[in-house]
Amino acid sequence: MTLSSPPEPTGMALALGIERTAWSPGHACLEVTVTADHLNKGGAAHGGLMTVLLDAALGGALVSTLPTTSWCATTQLTTSFLDAARLGERLVATGRVVRRGRHVAHLSGEVCVGERVVASAVGTWAIWDERPPSMPLRKADDVLRWLAAAAGADLVGTGAWHHAGKTGMTGTMHVEVVRGDDDATVLVDDVHAITLHERVFAPNGGLVHEDRCTYRRDATGGLLVDLQAVDGFVQVVRVEEGARSLRAGPLPDGGPVWRHALEGDALSHHVWFTAGSEQEPPEIEFVYRLGEGS
């Protein structure tokens, strides 16, 4: 049984500045530093921020124990606000599984500032063996539209292969788009497929890597990526969509995992060679931007 990886961040988590800092079976930890945008009229961190942190930490603790095919959702969350958190303080939310059955799980957790507990929660989650049809998947439309807008152009990248000790690497990523009127497998808007042809060069200009990947949807709306090596071999991998990210893998052999994420006007491309290692720095790290004149 393959346990679920940490989920890609939601738009709410990104907007609030929430970071995941720990993930292990039955345990999850999220953190955020209180900014002026998080304050209520009394100058303390808003209770809604605490609730979002606790819901995500408790839910994450449960997800970390579930197989990738399972699904869960909060059915009850009871939050207690114990103390105020102020501007500049670091909130650390921890969730853990208290008891888990086949269809119901009980969880608990707290938000701390240092050793001081500022909020706590207990909750109940429903569990399904697979995603209920009534629960649609989140879609990374911002990323897909950004890629579609680069159709016919070359993205220019710089980065490093940390696993090989190679820095100063460069790359190009050519974007090809398939458009059409059939709504059955639409990727975003009228786009049905986006292919990225990546070529990576050493500092001396020599070609060291080349591959293609094609994003497309299946009949259920799920996102897939076809990974094609230079010898023509193709692997089809399911993709998890975050608010501004796409993560594929692990591949059938237990790795690697790779991720495209939209960060401002750039597309980051990260690769981890070992499944479940996404909490660690990536072995391959590139940043791609639209080339001049494209």
C-alpha atoms as a PDB file:
ATOM      1  CA  MET A   1       0.000   0.000   0.000  1.00  0.00           C
ATOM      2  CA  THR A   2       1.357   3.391  -1.056  1.00  0.00           C
ATOM      3  CA  LEU A   3       0.581   6.120   1.491  1.00  0.00           C
ATOM      4  CA  SER A   4      -0.426   9.573   0.330  1.00  0.00           C
ATOM      5  CA  SER A   5       2.204  12.257  -0.149  1.00  0.00           C
ATOM      6  CA  PRO A   6       1.741  15.756   1.307  1.00  0.00           C
ATOM      7  CA  PRO A   7      -0.974  17.442  -0.782  1.00  0.00           C
ATOM      8  CA  GLU A   8      -0.131  20.346  -3.032  1.00  0.00           C
ATOM      9  CA  PRO A   9      -0.941  23.728  -1.405  1.00  0.00           C
ATOM     10  CA  THR A  10      -4.387  25.244  -1.752  1.00  0.00           C
ATOM     11  CA  GLY A  11      -4.989  28.819  -2.819  1.00  0.00           C
ATOM     12  CA  MET A  12      -5.991  29.670   0.742  1.00  0.00           C
ATOM     13  CA  ALA A  13      -2.731  28.300   2.161  1.00  0.00           C
ATOM     14  CA  LEU A  14      -0.728  30.291  -0.377  1.00  0.00           C
ATOM     15  CA  ALA A  15      -2.703  33.473   0.294  1.00  0.00           C
ATOM     16  CA  LEU A  16      -2.203  33.149   4.061  1.00  0.00           C
ATOM     17  CA  GLY A  17       1.496  32.244   3.783  1.00  0.00           C
ATOM     18  CA  ILE A  18       1.075  28.833   5.433  1.00  0.00           C
ATOM     19  CA  GLU A  19       3.994  26.393   5.099  1.00  0.00           C
ATOM     20  CA  ARG A  20       4.064  22.642   5.753  1.00  0.00           C
ATOM     21  CA  THR A  21       7.111  21.784   7.871  1.00  0.00           C
ATOM     22  CA  ALA A  22       6.539  18.149   8.902  1.00  0.00           C
ATOM     23  CA  TRP A  23       4.777  15.114   7.440  1.00  0.00           C
ATOM     24  CA  SER A  24       4.917  11.536   8.715  1.00  0.00           C
ATOM     25  CA  PRO A  25       2.343   8.755   9.223  1.00  0.00           C
ATOM     26  CA  GLY A  26      -0.270  10.065  11.672  1.00  0.00           C
ATOM     27  CA  HIS A  27       1.359  13.491  12.092  1.00  0.00           C
ATOM     28  CA  ALA A  28       1.455  16.812  10.235  1.00  0.00           C
ATOM     29  CA  CYS A  29       2.765  20.258  11.082  1.00  0.00           C
ATOM     30  CA  LEU A  30       1.985  23.630   9.477  1.00  0.00           C
ATOM     31  CA  GLU A  31       3.471  27.042  10.293  1.00  0.00           C
ATOM     32  CA  VAL A  32       2.851  30.704   9.538  1.00  0.00           C
ATOM     33  CA  THR A  33       4.246  33.998  10.817  1.00  0.00           C
ATOM     34  CA  VAL A  34       1.533  36.459  11.865  1.00  0.00           C
ATOM     35  CA  THR A  35       1.428  39.505   9.582  1.00  0.00           C
ATOM     36  CA  ALA A  36      -0.753  42.615   9.650  1.00  0.00           C
ATOM     37  CA  ASP A  37      -3.136  40.900   7.186  1.00  0.00           C
ATOM     38  CA  HIS A  38      -3.821  38.158   9.750  1.00  0.00           C
ATOM     39  CA  LEU A  39      -4.941  40.491  12.574  1.00  0.00           C
ATOM     40  CA  ASN A  40      -8.449  41.100  13.869  1.00  0.00           C
ATOM     41  CA  LYS A  41      -9.666  44.493  15.101  1.00  0.00           C
ATOM     42  CA  GLY A  42      -8.109  43.812  18.506  1.00  0.00           C
ATOM     43  CA  GLY A  43      -4.629  43.403  17.025  1.00  0.00           C
ATOM     44  CA  ALA A  44      -4.447  39.626  17.584  1.00  0.00           C
ATOM     45  CA  ALA A  45      -4.244  36.819  15.031  1.00  0.00           C
ATOM     46  CA  HIS A  46      -7.749  36.185  13.695  1.00  0.00           C
ATOM     47  CA  GLY A  47      -9.511  33.069  14.920  1.00  0.00           C
ATOM     48  CA  GLY A  48     -10.145  32.115  11.299  1.00  0.00           C
ATOM     49  CA  LEU A  49      -6.402  31.772  10.775  1.00  0.00           C
ATOM     50  CA  MET A  50      -6.187  29.406  13.763  1.00  0.00           C
ATOM     51  CA  THR A  51      -9.108  27.358  12.436  1.00  0.00           C
ATOM     52  CA  VAL A  52      -7.611  27.032   8.957  1.00  0.00           C
ATOM     53  CA  LEU A  53      -4.284  25.941  10.460  1.00  0.00           C
ATOM     54  CA  LEU A  54      -5.921  23.348  12.698  1.00  0.00           C
ATOM     55  CA  ASP A  55      -8.222  21.968  10.004  1.00  0.00           C
ATOM     56  CA  ALA A  56      -5.263  21.550   7.638  1.00  0.00           C
ATOM     57  CA  ALA A  57      -2.944  20.068  10.278  1.00  0.00           C
ATOM     58  CA  LEU A  58      -5.500  17.558  11.566  1.00  0.00           C
ATOM     59  CA  GLY A  59      -6.659  16.655   8.076  1.00  0.00           C
ATOM     60  CA  GLY A  60      -3.061  16.289   6.925  1.00  0.00           C
ATOM     61  CA  ALA A  61      -2.300  13.925   9.799  1.00  0.00           C
ATOM     62  CA  LEU A  62      -5.131  11.689   8.608  1.00  0.00           C
ATOM     63  CA  VAL A  63      -4.187  11.891   4.924  1.00  0.00           C
ATOM     64  CA  SER A  64      -0.649  10.791   5.823  1.00  0.00           C
ATOM     65  CA  THR A  65      -2.074   7.412   6.953  1.00  0.00           C
ATOM     66  CA  LEU A  66      -4.319   6.822   3.922  1.00  0.00           C
ATOM     67  CA  PRO A  67      -3.515   5.092   0.639  1.00  0.00           C
ATOM     68  CA  THR A  68      -3.357   7.320  -2.415  1.00  0.00           C
ATOM     69  CA  THR A  69      -6.708   6.002  -3.651  1.00  0.00           C
ATOM     70  CA  SER A  70      -8.638   7.008  -0.500  1.00  0.00           C
ATOM     71  CA  TRP A  71     -10.471  10.272   0.192  1.00  0.00           C
ATOM     72  CA  CYS A  72     -11.488  12.120   3.356  1.00  0.00           C
ATOM     73  CA  ALA A  73     -13.344  15.223   4.493  1.00  0.00           C
ATOM     74  CA  THR A  74     -13.932  17.100   7.744  1.00  0.00           C
ATOM     75  CA  THR A  75     -17.334  16.389   9.316  1.00  0.00           C
ATOM     76  CA  GLN A  76     -16.802  18.197  12.633  1.00  0.00           C
ATOM     77  CA  LEU A  77     -14.128  20.509  14.035  1.00  0.00           C
ATOM     78  CA  THR A  78     -14.320  21.989  17.530  1.00  0.00           C
ATOM     79  CA  THR A  79     -11.809  24.766  18.170  1.00  0.00           C
ATOM     80  CA  SER A  80     -10.854  26.367  21.477  1.00  0.00           C
ATOM     81  CA  PHE A  81      -9.064  29.744  21.491  1.00  0.00           C
ATOM     82  CA  LEU A  82      -6.825  29.827  24.559  1.00  0.00           C
ATOM     83  CA  ASP A  83      -4.553  32.860  24.148  1.00  0.00           C
ATOM     84  CA  ALA A  84      -3.825  35.687  21.724  1.00  0.00           C
ATOM     85  CA  ALA A  85      -1.074  35.530  19.101  1.00  0.00           C
ATOM     86  CA  ARG A  86       0.472  38.850  18.089  1.00  0.00           C
ATOM     87  CA  LEU A  87       2.105  40.411  15.066  1.00  0.00           C
ATOM     88  CA  GLY A  88       5.410  38.751  14.157  1.00  0.00           C
ATOM     89  CA  GLU A  89       4.884  35.605  16.217  1.00  0.00           C
ATOM     90  CA  ARG A  90       5.364  32.202  14.592  1.00  0.00           C
ATOM     91  CA  LEU A  91       2.343  29.896  14.787  1.00  0.00           C
ATOM     92  CA  VAL A  92       3.047  26.153  14.723  1.00  0.00           C
ATOM     93  CA  ALA A  93       0.011  23.913  14.213  1.00  0.00           C
ATOM     94  CA  THR A  94       0.381  20.195  14.901  1.00  0.00           C
ATOM     95  CA  GLY A  95      -2.187  17.505  14.084  1.00  0.00           C
ATOM     96  CA  ARG A  96      -2.255  13.834  15.062  1.00  0.00           C
ATOM     97  CA  VAL A  97      -4.524  10.822  14.657  1.00  0.00           C
ATOM     98  CA  VAL A  98      -6.214   9.750  17.897  1.00  0.00           C
ATOM     99  CA  ARG A  99      -8.188   6.838  16.468  1.00  0.00           C
ATOM    100  CA  ARG A 100      -8.907   5.737  12.919  1.00  0.00           C
ATOM    101  CA  GLY A 101     -11.431   3.231  11.666  1.00  0.00           C
ATOM    102  CA  ARG A 102     -12.295   2.287   8.107  1.00  0.00           C
ATOM    103  CA  HIS A 103     -14.821   5.083   7.573  1.00  0.00           C
ATOM    104  CA  VAL A 104     -14.335   7.503  10.498  1.00  0.00           C
ATOM    105  CA  ALA A 105     -11.254   9.058  12.135  1.00  0.00           C
ATOM    106  CA  HIS A 106     -10.824  11.154  15.282  1.00  0.00           C
ATOM    107  CA  LEU A 107      -8.023  13.691  15.441  1.00  0.00           C
ATOM    108  CA  SER A 108      -6.629  16.363  17.750  1.00  0.00           C
ATOM    109  CA  GLY A 109      -4.084  19.140  17.629  1.00  0.00           C
ATOM    110  CA  GLU A 110      -2.971  22.540  18.824  1.00  0.00           C
ATOM    111  CA  VAL A 111      -1.435  25.808  17.658  1.00  0.00           C
ATOM    112  CA  CYS A 112       1.569  26.969  19.660  1.00  0.00           C
ATOM    113  CA  VAL A 113       3.789  30.025  19.872  1.00  0.00           C
ATOM    114  CA  GLY A 114       6.948  28.535  21.305  1.00  0.00           C
ATOM    115  CA  GLU A 115       5.806  26.567  24.366  1.00  0.00           C
ATOM    116  CA  ARG A 116       2.564  28.562  24.681  1.00  0.00           C
ATOM    117  CA  VAL A 117      -0.621  26.900  23.390  1.00  0.00           C
ATOM    118  CA  VAL A 118      -2.846  29.543  21.784  1.00  0.00           C
ATOM    119  CA  ALA A 119      -5.542  27.270  20.264  1.00  0.00           C
ATOM    120  CA  SER A 120      -6.523  23.614  20.214  1.00  0.00           C
ATOM    121  CA  ALA A 121      -9.007  21.464  18.325  1.00  0.00           C
ATOM    122  CA  VAL A 122     -10.567  18.033  18.111  1.00  0.00           C
ATOM    123  CA  GLY A 123     -12.291  16.799  14.993  1.00  0.00           C
ATOM    124  CA  THR A 124     -13.933  13.987  13.127  1.00  0.00           C
ATOM    125  CA  TRP A 125     -13.244  13.057   9.500  1.00  0.00           C
ATOM    126  CA  ALA A 126     -15.165  10.804   7.123  1.00  0.00           C
ATOM    127  CA  ILE A 127     -13.134   8.380   4.994  1.00  0.00           C
ATOM    128  CA  TRP A 128     -14.013   6.898   1.590  1.00  0.00           C
ATOM    129  CA  ASP A 129     -12.169   4.133  -0.266  1.00  0.00           C
ATOM    130  CA  GLU A 130     -12.188   6.380  -3.346  1.00  0.00           C
ATOM    131  CA  ARG A 131     -13.176   9.943  -4.212  1.00  0.00           C
ATOM    132  CA  PRO A 132     -16.972  10.424  -4.175  1.00  0.00           C
ATOM    133  CA  PRO A 133     -18.240  11.722  -7.547  1.00  0.00           C
ATOM    134  CA  SER A 134     -19.866  14.660  -5.730  1.00  0.00           C
ATOM    135  CA  MET A 135     -16.418  15.975  -4.723  1.00  0.00           C
ATOM    136  CA  PRO A 136     -14.745  17.564  -7.782  1.00  0.00           C
ATOM    137  CA  LEU A 137     -10.983  17.740  -8.061  1.00  0.00           C
ATOM    138  CA  ARG A 138      -9.178  21.045  -7.628  1.00  0.00           C
ATOM    139  CA  LYS A 139      -7.731  22.318 -10.921  1.00  0.00           C
ATOM    140  CA  ALA A 140      -4.496  24.261 -11.454  1.00  0.00           C
ATOM    141  CA  ASP A 141      -5.977  26.558 -14.086  1.00  0.00           C
ATOM    142  CA  ASP A 142      -3.478  29.376 -13.450  1.00  0.00           C
ATOM    143  CA  VAL A 143      -0.512  27.124 -14.248  1.00  0.00           C
ATOM    144  CA  LEU A 144      -2.153  25.585 -17.299  1.00  0.00           C
ATOM    145  CA  ARG A 145      -3.224  28.964 -18.713  1.00  0.00           C
ATOM    146  CA  TRP A 146       0.281  30.338 -18.186  1.00  0.00           C
ATOM    147  CA  LEU A 147       1.735  27.419 -20.129  1.00  0.00           C
ATOM    148  CA  ALA A 148      -0.919  27.684 -22.847  1.00  0.00           C
ATOM    149  CA  ALA A 149      -0.120  31.392 -23.274  1.00  0.00           C
ATOM    150  CA  ALA A 150       3.486  30.401 -24.022  1.00  0.00           C
ATOM    151  CA  ALA A 151       2.437  28.195 -26.961  1.00  0.00           C
ATOM    152  CA  GLY A 152       5.023  28.201 -29.719  1.00  0.00           C
ATOM    153  CA  ALA A 153       7.617  29.890 -27.536  1.00  0.00           C
ATOM    154  CA  ASP A 154      10.741  28.718 -25.753  1.00  0.00           C
ATOM    155  CA  LEU A 155      11.003  29.058 -21.996  1.00  0.00           C
ATOM    156  CA  VAL A 156      14.599  29.715 -20.937  1.00  0.00           C
ATOM    157  CA  GLY A 157      15.840  28.195 -17.700  1.00  0.00           C
ATOM    158  CA  THR A 158      18.754  28.113 -15.291  1.00  0.00           C
ATOM    159  CA  GLY A 159      19.371  25.652 -12.513  1.00  0.00           C
ATOM    160  CA  ALA A 160      21.388  22.864 -10.954  1.00  0.00           C
ATOM    161  CA  TRP A 161      21.639  19.098 -10.727  1.00  0.00           C
ATOM    162  CA  HIS A 162      22.493  18.922  -7.036  1.00  0.00           C
ATOM    163  CA  HIS A 163      22.725  15.110  -7.092  1.00  0.00           C
ATOM    164  CA  ALA A 164      25.599  15.341  -9.589  1.00  0.00           C
ATOM    165  CA  GLY A 165      27.189  18.477  -8.159  1.00  0.00           C
ATOM    166  CA  LYS A 166      26.510  20.379 -11.386  1.00  0.00           C
ATOM    167  CA  THR A 167      25.586  24.050 -11.152  1.00  0.00           C
ATOM    168  CA  GLY A 168      25.316  26.691 -13.854  1.00  0.00           C
ATOM    169  CA  MET A 169      23.088  24.444 -15.978  1.00  0.00           C
ATOM    170  CA  THR A 170      20.830  26.013 -18.613  1.00  0.00           C
ATOM    171  CA  GLY A 171      17.753  24.741 -20.368  1.00  0.00           C
ATOM    172  CA  THR A 172      15.032  25.420 -22.907  1.00  0.00           C
ATOM    173  CA  MET A 173      11.443  24.271 -22.698  1.00  0.00           C
ATOM    174  CA  HIS A 174       9.437  24.515 -25.927  1.00  0.00           C
ATOM    175  CA  VAL A 175       5.649  24.674 -25.429  1.00  0.00           C
ATOM    176  CA  GLU A 176       3.209  23.045 -27.875  1.00  0.00           C
ATOM    177  CA  VAL A 177      -0.574  23.242 -27.462  1.00  0.00           C
ATOM    178  CA  VAL A 178      -3.470  21.239 -28.947  1.00  0.00           C
ATOM    179  CA  ARG A 179      -6.775  23.131 -29.131  1.00  0.00           C
ATOM    180  CA  GLY A 180     -10.259  21.945 -30.065  1.00  0.00           C
ATOM    181  CA  ASP A 181     -14.024  22.145 -29.530  1.00  0.00           C
ATOM    182  CA  ASP A 182     -14.579  18.793 -27.809  1.00  0.00           C
ATOM    183  CA  ASP A 183     -15.385  19.430 -24.123  1.00  0.00           C
ATOM    184  CA  ALA A 184     -14.955  15.813 -23.029  1.00  0.00           C
ATOM    185  CA  THR A 185     -11.261  16.067 -22.200  1.00  0.00           C
ATOM    186  CA  VAL A 186     -10.668  19.811 -22.049  1.00  0.00           C
ATOM    187  CA  LEU A 187      -7.552  20.730 -20.090  1.00  0.00           C
ATOM    188  CA  VAL A 188      -8.330  24.415 -19.627  1.00  0.00           C
ATOM    189  CA  ASP A 189     -10.434  26.776 -21.791  1.00  0.00           C
ATOM    190  CA  ASP A 190     -10.212  25.289 -25.343  1.00  0.00           C
ATOM    191  CA  VAL A 191      -6.870  23.559 -24.746  1.00  0.00           C
ATOM    192  CA  HIS A 192      -6.794  19.743 -24.762  1.00  0.00           C
ATOM    193  CA  ALA A 193      -3.089  19.045 -24.382  1.00  0.00           C
ATOM    194  CA  ILE A 194       0.107  20.905 -23.512  1.00  0.00           C
ATOM    195  CA  THR A 195       3.464  19.382 -24.426  1.00  0.00           C
ATOM    196  CA  LEU A 196       6.738  20.600 -22.905  1.00  0.00           C
ATOM    197  CA  HIS A 197       9.923  19.652 -24.764  1.00  0.00           C
ATOM    198  CA  GLU A 198      12.827  20.180 -22.369  1.00  0.00           C
ATOM    199  CA  ARG A 199      16.528  20.229 -23.282  1.00  0.00           C
ATOM    200  CA  VAL A 200      19.185  20.717 -20.572  1.00  0.00           C
ATOM    201  CA  PHE A 201      22.740  21.888 -21.286  1.00  0.00           C
ATOM    202  CA  ALA A 202      25.950  21.746 -19.257  1.00  0.00           C
ATOM    203  CA  PRO A 203      27.927  24.968 -18.638  1.00  0.00           C
ATOM    204  CA  ASN A 204      30.106  24.098 -21.660  1.00  0.00           C
ATOM    205  CA  GLY A 205      27.010  24.039 -23.902  1.00  0.00           C
ATOM    206  CA  GLY A 206      26.799  20.266 -24.306  1.00  0.00           C
ATOM    207  CA  LEU A 207      23.363  18.645 -24.320  1.00  0.00           C
ATOM    208  CA  VAL A 208      23.033  16.436 -21.216  1.00  0.00           C
ATOM    209  CA  HIS A 209      19.307  15.670 -21.056  1.00  0.00           C
ATOM    210  CA  GLU A 210      16.222  15.764 -23.256  1.00  0.00           C
ATOM    211  CA  ASP A 211      12.620  14.654 -22.721  1.00  0.00           C
ATOM    212  CA  ARG A 212       8.988  15.507 -23.434  1.00  0.00           C
ATOM    213  CA  CYS A 213       5.940  15.578 -21.197  1.00  0.00           C
ATOM    214  CA  THR A 214       2.327  16.075 -22.242  1.00  0.00           C
ATOM    215  CA  TYR A 215      -0.406  17.188 -19.851  1.00  0.00           C
ATOM    216  CA  ARG A 216      -3.937  15.966 -20.695  1.00  0.00           C
ATOM    217  CA  ARG A 217      -7.171  14.989 -18.937  1.00  0.00           C
ATOM    218  CA  ASP A 218      -8.919  11.632 -18.910  1.00  0.00           C
ATOM    219  CA  ALA A 219     -12.664  11.154 -19.264  1.00  0.00           C
ATOM    220  CA  THR A 220     -13.182  11.630 -15.499  1.00  0.00           C
ATOM    221  CA  GLY A 221     -11.446  15.036 -15.510  1.00  0.00           C
ATOM    222  CA  GLY A 222      -8.319  13.749 -13.797  1.00  0.00           C
ATOM    223  CA  LEU A 223      -5.013  15.205 -14.959  1.00  0.00           C
ATOM    224  CA  LEU A 224      -2.430  12.881 -16.506  1.00  0.00           C
ATOM    225  CA  VAL A 225       1.047  13.457 -17.858  1.00  0.00           C
ATOM    226  CA  ASP A 226       2.660  11.351 -20.573  1.00  0.00           C
ATOM    227  CA  LEU A 227       6.415  11.223 -19.958  1.00  0.00           C
ATOM    228  CA  GLN A 228       8.348  10.428 -23.120  1.00  0.00           C
ATOM    229  CA  ALA A 229      12.051   9.604 -23.165  1.00  0.00           C
ATOM    230  CA  VAL A 230      14.258  10.212 -26.196  1.00  0.00           C
ATOM    231  CA  ASP A 231      14.011   6.516 -27.108  1.00  0.00           C
ATOM    232  CA  GLY A 232      10.231   6.891 -27.436  1.00  0.00           C
ATOM    233  CA  PHE A 233       9.297   5.031 -24.219  1.00  0.00           C
ATOM    234  CA  VAL A 234       6.201   6.593 -22.604  1.00  0.00           C
ATOM    235  CA  GLN A 235       5.007   6.393 -19.008  1.00  0.00           C
ATOM    236  CA  VAL A 236       1.584   7.719 -18.003  1.00  0.00           C
ATOM    237  CA  VAL A 237       1.455   9.229 -14.502  1.00  0.00           C
ATOM    238  CA  ARG A 238      -1.431  10.787 -12.606  1.00  0.00           C
ATOM    239  CA  VAL A 239      -0.913  14.418 -11.586  1.00  0.00           C
ATOM    240  CA  GLU A 240      -2.049  16.200  -8.423  1.00  0.00           C
ATOM    241  CA  GLU A 241      -3.112  19.790  -8.997  1.00  0.00           C
ATOM    242  CA  GLY A 242      -2.443  22.469  -6.415  1.00  0.00           C
ATOM    243  CA  ALA A 243      -3.627  26.055  -6.640  1.00  0.00           C
ATOM    244  CA  ARG A 244      -0.489  26.978  -8.621  1.00  0.00           C
ATOM    245  CA  SER A 245       1.365  23.686  -8.978  1.00  0.00           C
ATOM    246  CA  LEU A 246       1.401  20.306 -10.726  1.00  0.00           C
ATOM    247  CA  ARG A 247       3.027  17.278  -9.092  1.00  0.00           C
ATOM    248  CA  ALA A 248       3.564  13.931 -10.811  1.00  0.00           C
ATOM    249  CA  GLY A 249       4.793  10.669  -9.361  1.00  0.00           C
ATOM    250  CA  PRO A 250       6.184   8.717  -7.838  1.00  0.00           C
ATOM    251  CA  LEU A 251       6.795   6.726 -10.986  1.00  0.00           C
ATOM    252  CA  PRO A 252       5.929   3.008 -10.774  1.00  0.00           C
ATOM    253  CA  ASP A 253       9.428   2.063  -9.592  1.00  0.00           C
ATOM    254  CA  GLY A 254       9.031   4.134  -6.398  1.00  0.00           C
ATOM    255  CA  GLY A 255      10.395   7.399  -7.765  1.00  0.00           C
ATOM    256  CA  PRO A 256      11.107   9.990  -8.893  1.00  0.00           C
ATOM    257  CA  VAL A 257       8.621  12.722  -8.077  1.00  0.00           C
ATOM    258  CA  TRP A 258       8.680  15.957 -10.035  1.00  0.00           C
ATOM    259  CA  ARG A 259       6.803  19.230  -9.804  1.00  0.00           C
ATOM    260  CA  HIS A 260       6.001  22.302 -11.901  1.00  0.00           C
ATOM    261  CA  ALA A 261       4.944  25.373  -9.915  1.00  0.00           C
ATOM    262  CA  LEU A 262       4.065  28.890 -10.997  1.00  0.00           C
ATOM    263  CA  GLU A 263       5.984  31.469  -8.946  1.00  0.00           C
ATOM    264  CA  GLY A 264       5.324  35.001 -10.136  1.00  0.00           C
ATOM    265  CA  ASP A 265       6.361  35.165 -13.803  1.00  0.00           C
ATOM    266  CA  ALA A 266       8.476  31.997 -13.616  1.00  0.00           C
ATOM    267  CA  LEU A 267       7.892  28.244 -13.745  1.00  0.00           C
ATOM    268  CA  SER A 268       9.919  26.190 -11.279  1.00  0.00           C
ATOM    269  CA  HIS A 269      10.778  22.594 -12.143  1.00  0.00           C
ATOM    270  CA  HIS A 270      11.865  20.402  -9.234  1.00  0.00           C
ATOM    271  CA  VAL A 271      12.696  16.685  -9.156  1.00  0.00           C
ATOM    272  CA  TRP A 272      13.104  14.337  -6.184  1.00  0.00           C
ATOM    273  CA  PHE A 273      14.538  10.906  -6.926  1.00  0.00           C
ATOM    274  CA  THR A 274      12.995   9.175  -3.906  1.00  0.00           C
ATOM    275  CA  ALA A 275       9.250   8.995  -3.269  1.00  0.00           C
ATOM    276  CA  GLY A 276       8.203  10.771  -0.093  1.00  0.00           C
ATOM    277  CA  SER A 277      11.263  13.039  -0.012  1.00  0.00           C
ATOM    278  CA  GLU A 278       9.460  16.218  -1.106  1.00  0.00           C
ATOM    279  CA  GLN A 279      10.054  17.751   2.323  1.00  0.00           C
ATOM    280  CA  GLU A 280      13.768  17.779   1.480  1.00  0.00           C
ATOM    281  CA  PRO A 281      15.524  20.085  -1.058  1.00  0.00           C
ATOM    282  CA  PRO A 282      15.074  18.800  -4.638  1.00  0.00           C
ATOM    283  CA  GLU A 283      17.892  16.972  -6.410  1.00  0.00           C
ATOM    284  CA  ILE A 284      17.134  18.890  -9.629  1.00  0.00           C
ATOM    285  CA  GLU A 285      16.122  22.542  -9.430  1.00  0.00           C
ATOM    286  CA  PHE A 286      15.357  24.757 -12.431  1.00  0.00           C
ATOM    287  CA  VAL A 287      13.551  28.072 -12.996  1.00  0.00           C
ATOM    288  CA  TYR A 288      12.094  28.798 -16.450  1.00  0.00           C
ATOM    289  CA  ARG A 289      10.970  32.158 -17.829  1.00  0.00           C
ATOM    290  CA  LEU A 290       9.643  33.298 -21.186  1.00  0.00           C
ATOM    291  CA  GLY A 291      12.600  34.100 -23.433  1.00  0.00           C
ATOM    292  CA  GLU A 292      13.124  37.562 -24.896  1.00  0.00           C
ATOM    293  CA  GLY A 293      11.380  38.019 -28.226  1.00  0.00           C
ATOM    294  CA  SER A 294       9.013  35.091 -27.649  1.00  0.00           C
END
